[in-house]
Amino acid sequence: MSTFDDRERAEEARYALDQETQFKINARRNKLLGLWTADLLGLKDADAEAYAKAVVIADLEEAGDDDVVRKVRGDLEKAGIVRTDVQIREEMARLLPVAREQVINDIKG
């Protein structure tokens, strides 16, 4: 029975690690999206970093990406910059593999 228990614990640990890694990848993607948006808004240095952090925090409002898209689109619209949800989601899709590579490299050290 202990072999089964060991396997079960190992699977649970692997699942938890996979979930944590995916969370980090999504957070990194959102940070990169925030930096992309900050550039469009003309924000630099600390202001750009602060904006990127706000985008990451916006993702904690609800499950999925809709909260992030709403924030970015709304902030761009306030600045008179038009980007559709589709364009924002395309940028998110473009940034996802970049974020994945960065997080994996961070994990590897």
Protein backbone atom coordinates (compact mmCIF):
# COMPACT_ATOMS: atom_id res chain seq x y z
CA MET A 1 0.00 0.00 0.00
CA SER A 2 2.89 2.40 0.66
CA THR A 3 3.99 2.30 -3.00
CA PHE A 4 0.53 3.41 -4.05
CA ASP A 5 0.55 6.15 -1.40
CA ASP A 6 3.99 7.30 -2.54
CA ARG A 7 2.81 7.48 -6.15
CA GLU A 8 -0.28 9.39 -5.14
CA ARG A 9 1.77 11.91 -3.14
CA ALA A 10 4.21 12.29 -6.03
CA GLU A 11 1.36 12.93 -8.48
CA GLU A 12 -0.19 15.49 -6.12
CA ALA A 13 3.17 17.24 -5.74
CA ARG A 14 3.70 17.28 -9.51
CA TYR A 15 0.20 18.67 -10.07
CA ALA A 16 0.80 21.41 -7.49
CA LEU A 17 4.12 22.31 -9.12
CA ASP A 18 2.49 22.40 -12.56
CA GLN A 19 -0.25 24.71 -11.25
CA GLU A 20 2.29 26.99 -9.57
CA THR A 21 4.39 27.14 -12.74
CA GLN A 22 1.34 27.97 -14.88
CA PHE A 23 0.38 30.73 -12.43
CA LYS A 24 3.88 32.20 -12.72
CA ILE A 25 3.76 31.99 -16.53
CA ASN A 26 0.41 33.80 -16.65
CA ALA A 27 1.64 36.45 -14.22
CA ARG A 28 4.77 36.98 -16.31
CA ARG A 29 2.69 37.19 -19.49
CA ASN A 30 0.50 39.81 -17.84
CA LYS A 31 3.55 41.77 -16.73
CA LEU A 32 4.88 41.71 -20.29
CA LEU A 33 1.46 42.80 -21.54
CA GLY A 34 1.52 45.61 -18.99
CA LEU A 35 4.93 46.73 -20.25
CA TRP A 36 3.65 46.60 -23.84
CA THR A 37 0.66 48.72 -22.85
CA ALA A 38 2.83 51.09 -20.82
CA ASP A 39 4.94 51.66 -23.93
CA LEU A 40 1.81 52.49 -25.93
CA LEU A 41 0.78 54.88 -23.15
CA GLY A 42 4.20 56.53 -23.17
CA LEU A 43 5.08 55.39 -19.64
CA LYS A 44 8.75 54.86 -18.82
CA ASP A 45 10.89 53.26 -16.13
CA ALA A 46 9.21 53.14 -12.70
CA ASP A 47 5.86 54.26 -14.10
CA ALA A 48 5.94 51.45 -16.68
CA GLU A 49 6.87 48.91 -13.99
CA ALA A 50 4.09 50.15 -11.72
CA TYR A 51 1.58 49.91 -14.55
CA ALA A 52 2.74 46.37 -15.40
CA LYS A 53 2.26 45.40 -11.75
CA ALA A 54 -1.27 46.84 -11.85
CA VAL A 55 -2.04 44.63 -14.86
CA VAL A 56 -0.79 41.56 -12.98
CA ILE A 57 -2.97 42.48 -10.00
CA ALA A 58 -5.98 43.02 -12.28
CA ASP A 59 -5.81 39.33 -13.23
CA LEU A 60 -6.70 38.40 -9.65
CA GLU A 61 -10.19 39.92 -9.95
CA GLU A 62 -11.80 36.94 -11.69
CA ALA A 63 -10.93 33.68 -13.38
CA GLY A 64 -9.74 33.90 -16.97
CA ASP A 65 -8.23 36.74 -18.93
CA ASP A 66 -11.27 38.98 -19.35
CA ASP A 67 -10.31 41.18 -16.39
CA VAL A 68 -6.86 41.84 -17.86
CA VAL A 69 -8.24 42.59 -21.32
CA ARG A 70 -10.80 44.98 -19.82
CA LYS A 71 -8.16 46.85 -17.85
CA VAL A 72 -5.75 47.21 -20.75
CA ARG A 73 -8.43 48.17 -23.25
CA GLY A 74 -9.98 50.67 -20.83
CA ASP A 75 -6.66 52.32 -20.05
CA LEU A 76 -5.78 52.54 -23.73
CA GLU A 77 -9.22 53.99 -24.55
CA LYS A 78 -8.79 56.66 -21.85
CA ALA A 79 -5.57 57.67 -23.59
CA GLY A 80 -7.28 57.76 -27.00
CA ILE A 81 -5.48 54.62 -28.23
CA VAL A 82 -7.74 52.12 -29.94
CA ARG A 83 -6.99 48.43 -29.54
CA THR A 84 -9.70 45.80 -29.86
CA ASP A 85 -10.09 42.86 -27.52
CA VAL A 86 -8.89 40.67 -30.38
CA GLN A 87 -5.70 42.71 -30.78
CA ILE A 88 -5.04 42.60 -27.05
CA ARG A 89 -5.64 38.85 -26.91
CA GLU A 90 -3.35 38.38 -29.92
CA GLU A 91 -0.62 40.23 -28.03
CA MET A 92 -1.28 38.04 -25.00
CA ALA A 93 -0.92 34.95 -27.19
CA ARG A 94 2.33 36.30 -28.65
CA LEU A 95 3.71 36.98 -25.17
CA LEU A 96 2.74 33.62 -23.64
CA PRO A 97 5.67 31.60 -25.07
CA VAL A 98 8.05 34.43 -24.16
CA ALA A 99 6.76 34.35 -20.58
CA ARG A 100 6.97 30.54 -20.50
CA GLU A 101 10.60 30.61 -21.60
CA GLN A 102 11.48 33.29 -19.03
CA VAL A 103 9.82 31.41 -16.17
CA ILE A 104 11.40 28.09 -17.14
CA ASN A 105 14.80 29.75 -17.34
CA ASP A 106 14.21 31.30 -13.89
CA ILE A 107 13.35 27.87 -12.49
CA LYS A 108 16.43 26.27 -14.03
CA GLY A 109 18.54 29.02 -12.49
